[in-house]
Amino acid sequence: MPSLKWRSPRRAPLAGGSGVRSRPARRLRMLGAAFDVRSLLMLAAIAWALIYHLTSQAALWSRVLAVPWALAVVALAGLVKVRPGRARYLWLVAACLGLEAWAGWHWIVVSTWATRQAGWELRTRDMGAISGAAVALALLHGADPGAAVVLGGFVLLPGVFARQSRRTADLIDELQETRRELARLAVVEERNRIARDLHDLVGHSLSVVAVKTELARRLVPRDPERAGAELADIDTVVRRALAEVRQAVTNYRQPALAAEVAGAVSAARSAGIACTVSLPDDWHLPVPVEGLLAWTVREGVTNVLRHSRARSCSITVELAPRRAAVEICDDGVGTGDDERPEAAVSGNGLTGLSERASALRGEISVGRRPEGGFRLSVAVPLDPS
């Protein structure tokens, strides 16, 4: 994994597609980035220091100056969090330690803003140095050593938490970049596979057609009968190539089970048919198996819409360790008046579905249900090879 380096915060584009944020939205985002939940505790500590300072025996000028100074530190900390920069960071550190230096040991808590920024910028040594300097200033002001050490730990904690948050954010950023790169590589690999397939399917056939066409052209004046045979061969090659291309396109267009179920539910409800669905929470099926289940859902619901005159239907997908199955049931009149299940498979759609199931060593069951209605079920092994 690449080494973690400092990066300025990224601005996400708007949902509408524009990369430019409105001014109020940008201000709200900046405010949220500057003041998180931990900042509330730090603000509470500053409020305690303010109350302690205003109720102490400090000089009037000190009490008057400490309030705007503390507020300026908070504002500067927010600015540095949103717009990092070395100069602003150094000003923040100086302002925090400077307030404690002249106003008293209780202002040690204001240094939490400096350690938080140091942790966010992965300045581990600065975190320790700022905490140590704050404790030293508190001791110089006559603070109790135990209390000074405890407050020094309090000053250090925001930096530790911010450092961990920054590393987590960087790891998430790296993972997102990796996912985008993997998606891009998957697209490139799929394009290359399609290109190879088309080359293998069409390239050879076209080469044969070109050779035989040239041969037939030369044979027409001298041996028309043989030229006719060559043209017949060309016709056979072209038709075979067309069939191979169609088969390849069919494989490329394998439907997705989730999308077919969602489309089936929408179509059924549009037709006034109540549709209930039972699906596993998650599934990872081989592409041919998922394609067969998806085709089953499509064909089954199509028959429900066209022939059943049903009021309700159900789609059930079941997964076992070595087997997957889908079942579509309705409460209508079925596909006709013939009670024989074999008559239901006479349609082209179900016939094609039966051929797909057989190719994967699956089983198809079609017919009326004893309680009324019609049922289509397909079961297929998860390893159809």
Protein backbone atom coordinates (compact mmCIF):
# COMPACT_ATOMS: atom_id res chain seq x y z
CA MET A 1 0.00 0.00 0.00
CA PRO A 2 1.37 3.46 -0.81
CA SER A 3 2.73 5.54 2.05
CA LEU A 4 0.27 7.97 3.61
CA LYS A 5 0.96 11.54 2.69
CA TRP A 6 -0.80 14.77 3.48
CA ARG A 7 -3.59 15.67 1.11
CA SER A 8 -5.91 18.61 1.27
CA PRO A 9 -9.60 17.73 1.83
CA ARG A 10 -11.48 16.91 -1.36
CA ARG A 11 -14.71 18.53 -2.38
CA ALA A 12 -17.35 16.06 -3.53
CA PRO A 13 -19.47 17.06 -6.52
CA LEU A 14 -23.12 17.87 -6.17
CA ALA A 15 -25.73 15.21 -6.79
CA GLY A 16 -26.81 17.09 -9.88
CA GLY A 17 -23.46 16.47 -11.49
CA SER A 18 -21.89 19.90 -11.12
CA GLY A 19 -18.59 20.15 -9.36
CA VAL A 20 -19.35 23.66 -8.05
CA ARG A 21 -21.07 23.87 -4.69
CA SER A 22 -23.42 26.62 -3.71
CA ARG A 23 -21.98 29.10 -1.24
CA PRO A 24 -24.29 28.20 1.70
CA ALA A 25 -23.63 24.46 1.20
CA ARG A 26 -19.88 25.08 1.09
CA ARG A 27 -20.01 27.12 4.28
CA LEU A 28 -22.01 24.46 6.11
CA ARG A 29 -19.54 21.76 5.00
CA MET A 30 -16.58 23.86 6.12
CA LEU A 31 -18.23 24.49 9.48
CA GLY A 32 -18.90 20.78 9.95
CA ALA A 33 -15.30 19.89 9.09
CA ALA A 34 -13.94 22.47 11.50
CA PHE A 35 -16.11 21.57 14.51
CA ASP A 36 -16.82 17.90 15.09
CA VAL A 37 -18.19 16.15 18.17
CA ARG A 38 -14.86 16.20 20.01
CA SER A 39 -14.74 19.93 19.49
CA LEU A 40 -17.73 20.29 21.83
CA LEU A 41 -15.69 18.87 24.70
CA MET A 42 -12.84 21.22 23.86
CA LEU A 43 -15.25 24.16 23.77
CA ALA A 44 -16.62 23.08 27.15
CA ALA A 45 -13.05 23.06 28.53
CA ILE A 46 -12.49 26.60 27.21
CA ALA A 47 -15.79 27.67 28.80
CA TRP A 48 -14.54 26.29 32.12
CA ALA A 49 -11.25 28.18 31.72
CA LEU A 50 -13.15 31.39 30.92
CA ILE A 51 -15.35 31.07 33.99
CA TYR A 52 -12.34 30.26 36.16
CA HIS A 53 -10.43 33.23 34.75
CA LEU A 54 -13.29 35.73 35.07
CA THR A 55 -13.97 34.72 38.69
CA SER A 56 -10.30 34.79 39.68
CA GLN A 57 -8.32 37.70 41.08
CA ALA A 58 -6.74 38.45 37.71
CA ALA A 59 -6.31 42.04 36.61
CA LEU A 60 -9.17 43.69 34.74
CA TRP A 61 -7.17 44.03 31.52
CA SER A 62 -6.34 40.32 31.69
CA ARG A 63 -9.97 39.32 32.07
CA VAL A 64 -11.00 41.60 29.22
CA LEU A 65 -8.25 40.42 26.84
CA ALA A 66 -8.57 36.68 27.59
CA VAL A 67 -12.09 36.39 26.19
CA PRO A 68 -11.42 37.65 22.62
CA TRP A 69 -8.07 35.83 22.61
CA ALA A 70 -9.75 32.50 23.39
CA LEU A 71 -12.43 33.12 20.77
CA ALA A 72 -9.74 34.02 18.24
CA VAL A 73 -7.96 30.70 18.97
CA VAL A 74 -11.16 28.75 18.27
CA ALA A 75 -11.78 30.66 15.04
CA LEU A 76 -8.17 30.19 13.92
CA ALA A 77 -8.38 26.46 14.70
CA GLY A 78 -11.46 26.17 12.49
CA LEU A 79 -9.72 28.06 9.68
CA VAL A 80 -6.60 25.86 9.88
CA LYS A 81 -8.75 22.69 9.86
CA VAL A 82 -10.55 23.77 6.68
CA ARG A 83 -7.60 25.44 4.95
CA PRO A 84 -4.41 23.83 6.23
CA GLY A 85 -1.13 25.66 5.89
CA ARG A 86 2.14 25.74 7.78
CA ALA A 87 1.97 29.46 8.56
CA ARG A 88 -1.58 29.21 9.94
CA TYR A 89 -0.61 26.13 11.93
CA LEU A 90 2.34 27.90 13.56
CA TRP A 91 0.13 30.90 14.38
CA LEU A 92 -2.32 28.54 16.06
CA VAL A 93 0.38 26.91 18.20
CA ALA A 94 1.78 30.30 19.20
CA ALA A 95 -1.68 31.64 20.09
CA CYS A 96 -2.51 28.63 22.27
CA LEU A 97 0.75 28.60 24.22
CA GLY A 98 0.85 32.41 24.34
CA LEU A 99 -2.55 32.62 26.04
CA GLU A 100 -1.44 30.15 28.72
CA ALA A 101 1.88 31.94 29.14
CA TRP A 102 0.43 35.29 30.18
CA ALA A 103 -3.08 34.43 31.39
CA GLY A 104 -2.50 31.47 33.72
CA TRP A 105 -2.15 27.70 34.00
CA HIS A 106 -5.89 27.04 33.58
CA TRP A 107 -5.58 28.07 29.92
CA ILE A 108 -3.62 24.85 29.25
CA VAL A 109 -6.87 23.43 27.86
CA VAL A 110 -6.74 25.78 24.88
CA SER A 111 -3.71 23.89 23.55
CA THR A 112 -6.04 21.01 22.67
CA TRP A 113 -6.83 22.88 19.44
CA ALA A 114 -3.15 22.89 18.48
CA THR A 115 -2.61 19.20 19.26
CA ARG A 116 -5.75 18.29 17.33
CA GLN A 117 -4.43 20.04 14.24
CA ALA A 118 -1.00 18.46 14.70
CA GLY A 119 -2.61 15.02 14.88
CA TRP A 120 -4.72 15.65 11.78
CA GLU A 121 -1.60 16.64 9.84
CA LEU A 122 0.24 13.56 11.23
CA ARG A 123 2.76 15.69 13.11
CA THR A 124 3.35 13.19 15.92
CA ARG A 125 6.39 14.95 17.38
CA ASP A 126 4.56 18.27 17.44
CA MET A 127 1.78 16.69 19.49
CA GLY A 128 4.21 15.66 22.21
CA ALA A 129 6.10 18.96 22.07
CA ILE A 130 2.94 21.06 22.40
CA SER A 131 1.65 18.96 25.31
CA GLY A 132 5.02 19.11 27.05
CA ALA A 133 5.29 22.88 26.61
CA ALA A 134 1.75 23.35 27.94
CA VAL A 135 2.54 21.27 31.06
CA ALA A 136 5.80 23.17 31.61
CA LEU A 137 3.99 26.53 31.43
CA ALA A 138 1.38 25.27 33.91
CA LEU A 139 4.12 24.23 36.34
CA LEU A 140 5.78 27.65 35.95
CA HIS A 141 2.47 29.26 36.93
CA GLY A 142 2.47 27.19 40.13
CA ALA A 143 -0.10 24.58 39.17
CA ASP A 144 -0.28 21.35 41.14
CA PRO A 145 2.04 18.82 39.40
CA GLY A 146 -0.58 16.07 39.42
CA ALA A 147 -3.23 18.34 37.97
CA ALA A 148 -0.76 19.63 35.37
CA VAL A 149 0.05 16.09 34.23
CA VAL A 150 -3.64 15.17 34.00
CA LEU A 151 -4.38 18.31 32.00
CA GLY A 152 -1.38 17.53 29.80
CA GLY A 153 -2.94 14.16 28.99
CA PHE A 154 -6.20 15.93 28.22
CA VAL A 155 -4.31 18.21 25.82
CA LEU A 156 -2.68 15.24 24.10
CA LEU A 157 -5.84 13.15 23.62
CA PRO A 158 -7.46 15.27 20.84
CA GLY A 159 -4.24 14.95 18.85
CA VAL A 160 -4.22 11.15 19.24
CA PHE A 161 -7.87 10.91 18.16
CA ALA A 162 -7.35 13.28 15.24
CA ARG A 163 -4.30 11.33 14.08
CA GLN A 164 -6.29 8.09 14.12
CA SER A 165 -9.16 9.75 12.26
CA ARG A 166 -6.77 11.05 9.62
CA ARG A 167 -5.21 7.63 9.09
CA THR A 168 -8.67 6.08 8.81
CA ALA A 169 -9.70 8.73 6.30
CA ASP A 170 -6.55 8.12 4.26
CA LEU A 171 -7.14 4.37 4.29
CA ILE A 172 -10.72 4.87 3.11
CA ASP A 173 -9.45 7.17 0.38
CA GLU A 174 -6.91 4.56 -0.71
CA LEU A 175 -9.59 1.86 -0.74
CA GLN A 176 -11.90 4.02 -2.84
CA GLU A 177 -9.12 4.74 -5.32
CA THR A 178 -8.32 1.03 -5.45
CA ARG A 179 -11.97 0.20 -6.13
CA ARG A 180 -12.13 2.76 -8.93
CA GLU A 181 -8.95 1.36 -10.44
CA LEU A 182 -10.22 -2.21 -10.20
CA ALA A 183 -13.48 -1.17 -11.85
CA ARG A 184 -11.57 0.54 -14.65
CA LEU A 185 -9.36 -2.52 -15.14
CA ALA A 186 -12.43 -4.77 -15.18
CA VAL A 187 -13.96 -2.65 -17.94
CA VAL A 188 -10.72 -2.77 -19.93
CA GLU A 189 -10.45 -6.54 -19.47
CA GLU A 190 -14.07 -7.03 -20.56
CA ARG A 191 -13.48 -4.94 -23.68
CA ASN A 192 -10.38 -6.96 -24.49
CA ARG A 193 -12.31 -10.20 -24.00
CA ILE A 194 -15.08 -9.05 -26.33
CA ALA A 195 -12.48 -7.97 -28.88
CA ARG A 196 -10.77 -11.37 -28.68
CA ASP A 197 -14.09 -13.20 -29.01
CA LEU A 198 -15.14 -11.17 -32.03
CA HIS A 199 -11.74 -11.69 -33.63
CA ASP A 200 -11.92 -15.43 -33.06
CA LEU A 201 -15.52 -15.67 -34.25
CA VAL A 202 -15.49 -13.30 -37.21
CA GLY A 203 -11.84 -13.07 -38.24
CA HIS A 204 -11.45 -16.68 -39.35
CA SER A 205 -14.83 -16.77 -41.10
CA LEU A 206 -14.17 -13.55 -42.99
CA SER A 207 -10.76 -14.82 -44.05
CA VAL A 208 -12.36 -18.00 -45.42
CA VAL A 209 -15.06 -15.95 -47.18
CA ALA A 210 -12.43 -13.69 -48.76
CA VAL A 211 -10.39 -16.66 -50.08
CA LYS A 212 -13.41 -18.54 -51.41
CA THR A 213 -14.88 -15.41 -52.98
CA GLU A 214 -11.67 -14.76 -54.89
CA LEU A 215 -11.56 -18.41 -55.95
CA ALA A 216 -15.18 -18.34 -57.12
CA ARG A 217 -14.57 -15.14 -59.09
CA ARG A 218 -11.74 -16.80 -60.97
CA LEU A 219 -13.71 -20.02 -61.54
CA VAL A 220 -16.87 -18.40 -62.95
CA PRO A 221 -15.55 -18.08 -66.56
CA ARG A 222 -13.83 -21.49 -66.62
CA ASP A 223 -15.79 -23.81 -64.29
CA PRO A 224 -19.21 -22.39 -63.30
CA GLU A 225 -20.21 -25.61 -61.59
CA ARG A 226 -17.26 -25.53 -59.21
CA ALA A 227 -17.75 -21.79 -58.69
CA GLY A 228 -21.34 -22.55 -57.58
CA ALA A 229 -20.01 -25.06 -55.08
CA GLU A 230 -17.61 -22.49 -53.67
CA LEU A 231 -20.46 -19.96 -53.36
CA ALA A 232 -22.50 -22.57 -51.51
CA ASP A 233 -19.57 -23.04 -49.11
CA ILE A 234 -19.44 -19.27 -48.62
CA ASP A 235 -23.14 -19.27 -47.73
CA THR A 236 -22.54 -22.03 -45.17
CA VAL A 237 -19.57 -20.20 -43.60
CA VAL A 238 -21.50 -16.94 -43.37
CA ARG A 239 -24.52 -18.57 -41.76
CA ARG A 240 -22.33 -20.41 -39.26
CA ALA A 241 -20.49 -17.18 -38.40
CA LEU A 242 -23.83 -15.38 -37.96
CA ALA A 243 -25.04 -18.10 -35.58
CA GLU A 244 -21.79 -17.89 -33.56
CA VAL A 245 -22.05 -14.11 -33.30
CA ARG A 246 -25.66 -14.36 -32.13
CA GLN A 247 -24.68 -16.92 -29.51
CA ALA A 248 -21.87 -14.67 -28.30
CA VAL A 249 -24.21 -11.68 -28.05
CA THR A 250 -26.69 -13.81 -26.10
CA ASN A 251 -23.98 -14.72 -23.62
CA TYR A 252 -22.98 -11.06 -23.27
CA ARG A 253 -26.58 -10.14 -22.49
CA GLN A 254 -27.08 -12.48 -19.56
CA PRO A 255 -29.76 -10.83 -17.37
CA ALA A 256 -29.23 -10.14 -13.66
CA LEU A 257 -31.56 -11.89 -11.22
CA ALA A 258 -32.12 -8.89 -8.95
CA ALA A 259 -32.93 -6.62 -11.89
CA GLU A 260 -35.37 -9.16 -13.38
CA VAL A 261 -37.16 -9.62 -10.05
CA ALA A 262 -37.50 -5.87 -9.58
CA GLY A 263 -38.79 -5.45 -13.14
CA ALA A 264 -41.23 -8.34 -12.70
CA VAL A 265 -42.67 -6.88 -9.50
CA SER A 266 -43.10 -3.49 -11.15
CA ALA A 267 -44.78 -5.00 -14.23
CA ALA A 268 -47.13 -7.15 -12.14
CA ARG A 269 -48.22 -4.26 -9.96
CA SER A 270 -48.79 -2.09 -13.04
CA ALA A 271 -51.15 -4.81 -14.30
CA GLY A 272 -53.02 -4.87 -11.00
CA ILE A 273 -51.51 -8.17 -9.85
CA ALA A 274 -50.22 -8.37 -6.28
CA CYS A 275 -46.71 -9.82 -6.37
CA THR A 276 -44.86 -11.19 -3.34
CA VAL A 277 -41.15 -11.97 -3.45
CA SER A 278 -39.01 -14.28 -1.32
CA LEU A 279 -35.28 -13.87 -1.88
CA PRO A 280 -32.11 -14.77 0.05
CA ASP A 281 -30.35 -11.88 1.75
CA ASP A 282 -27.36 -12.28 -0.54
CA TRP A 283 -26.16 -14.57 -3.30
CA HIS A 284 -23.08 -15.18 -5.42
CA LEU A 285 -24.06 -17.44 -8.30
CA PRO A 286 -22.17 -18.54 -11.40
CA VAL A 287 -23.08 -16.30 -14.32
CA PRO A 288 -24.85 -19.05 -16.35
CA VAL A 289 -26.89 -20.13 -13.32
CA GLU A 290 -27.96 -16.59 -12.43
CA GLY A 291 -28.79 -16.00 -16.09
CA LEU A 292 -31.06 -19.06 -16.17
CA LEU A 293 -32.87 -18.01 -12.98
CA ALA A 294 -33.31 -14.50 -14.35
CA TRP A 295 -34.70 -15.83 -17.65
CA THR A 296 -37.09 -18.01 -15.66
CA VAL A 297 -38.40 -15.01 -13.73
CA ARG A 298 -38.81 -13.04 -16.95
CA GLU A 299 -40.62 -15.84 -18.80
CA GLY A 300 -42.76 -16.83 -15.82
CA VAL A 301 -44.00 -13.33 -15.07
CA THR A 302 -44.54 -12.68 -18.79
CA ASN A 303 -46.86 -15.71 -18.89
CA VAL A 304 -48.65 -14.50 -15.76
CA LEU A 305 -49.28 -11.13 -17.37
CA ARG A 306 -50.39 -12.53 -20.75
CA HIS A 307 -52.34 -15.68 -19.95
CA SER A 308 -53.13 -16.19 -16.28
CA ARG A 309 -55.80 -13.58 -15.50
CA ALA A 310 -54.44 -13.87 -11.96
CA ARG A 311 -55.02 -11.58 -9.01
CA SER A 312 -51.76 -12.45 -7.26
CA CYS A 313 -48.48 -14.18 -7.95
CA SER A 314 -45.32 -15.06 -6.06
CA ILE A 315 -41.63 -15.31 -6.91
CA THR A 316 -39.49 -17.54 -4.70
CA VAL A 317 -35.73 -18.01 -5.02
CA GLU A 318 -34.13 -20.78 -2.96
CA LEU A 319 -30.41 -21.43 -2.54
CA ALA A 320 -28.92 -24.66 -1.25
CA PRO A 321 -25.24 -25.56 -0.93
CA ARG A 322 -25.24 -27.29 -4.34
CA ARG A 323 -28.47 -26.17 -5.93
CA ALA A 324 -30.44 -23.05 -6.82
CA ALA A 325 -34.10 -22.87 -7.73
CA VAL A 326 -36.74 -20.30 -8.64
CA GLU A 327 -40.49 -20.73 -8.59
CA ILE A 328 -43.23 -18.48 -10.01
CA CYS A 329 -46.80 -19.24 -8.95
CA ASP A 330 -50.11 -17.50 -9.61
CA ASP A 331 -53.79 -18.00 -8.76
CA GLY A 332 -55.10 -17.58 -12.30
CA VAL A 333 -56.49 -19.96 -14.88
CA GLY A 334 -53.11 -21.02 -16.32
CA THR A 335 -52.24 -21.05 -19.99
CA GLY A 336 -55.42 -22.67 -21.26
CA ASP A 337 -58.10 -25.23 -20.67
CA ASP A 338 -55.85 -28.27 -21.11
CA GLU A 339 -55.12 -29.80 -17.71
CA ARG A 340 -51.98 -31.55 -18.87
CA PRO A 341 -48.71 -29.88 -17.68
CA GLU A 342 -47.06 -30.94 -20.93
CA ALA A 343 -49.36 -28.63 -22.89
CA ALA A 344 -48.00 -25.64 -21.02
CA VAL A 345 -44.51 -26.06 -22.42
CA SER A 346 -45.62 -25.82 -26.01
CA GLY A 347 -44.95 -22.07 -26.16
CA ASN A 348 -41.72 -20.86 -27.70
CA GLY A 349 -40.66 -19.03 -24.53
CA LEU A 350 -41.01 -22.04 -22.24
CA THR A 351 -39.49 -24.30 -24.87
CA GLY A 352 -36.42 -22.07 -25.04
CA LEU A 353 -36.30 -21.96 -21.25
CA SER A 354 -36.41 -25.74 -21.13
CA GLU A 355 -33.49 -25.91 -23.56
CA ARG A 356 -31.48 -23.47 -21.41
CA ALA A 357 -32.19 -25.55 -18.30
CA SER A 358 -31.17 -28.77 -20.03
CA ALA A 359 -27.89 -27.21 -21.15
CA LEU A 360 -27.04 -26.59 -17.47
CA ARG A 361 -28.31 -30.02 -16.34
CA GLY A 362 -31.27 -28.31 -14.68
CA GLU A 363 -34.86 -29.39 -14.24
CA ILE A 364 -37.98 -27.49 -15.26
CA SER A 365 -41.45 -28.11 -13.90
CA VAL A 366 -44.52 -26.48 -15.46
CA GLY A 367 -48.20 -27.05 -14.79
CA ARG A 368 -51.31 -26.35 -12.80
CA ARG A 369 -51.30 -26.40 -9.03
CA PRO A 370 -53.76 -28.61 -7.10
CA GLU A 371 -55.03 -25.59 -5.19
CA GLY A 372 -55.53 -23.66 -8.42
CA GLY A 373 -53.36 -21.46 -10.55
CA PHE A 374 -50.20 -22.14 -12.45
CA ARG A 375 -46.65 -22.95 -11.40
CA LEU A 376 -43.28 -22.65 -13.17
CA SER A 377 -40.20 -23.95 -11.40
CA VAL A 378 -36.58 -24.33 -12.49
CA ALA A 379 -33.85 -25.98 -10.42
CA VAL A 380 -30.21 -26.06 -11.49
CA PRO A 381 -26.98 -27.33 -9.88
CA LEU A 382 -24.53 -24.62 -8.87
CA ASP A 383 -21.77 -26.46 -10.71
CA PRO A 384 -23.42 -27.21 -14.06
CA SER A 385 -20.19 -28.37 -15.73
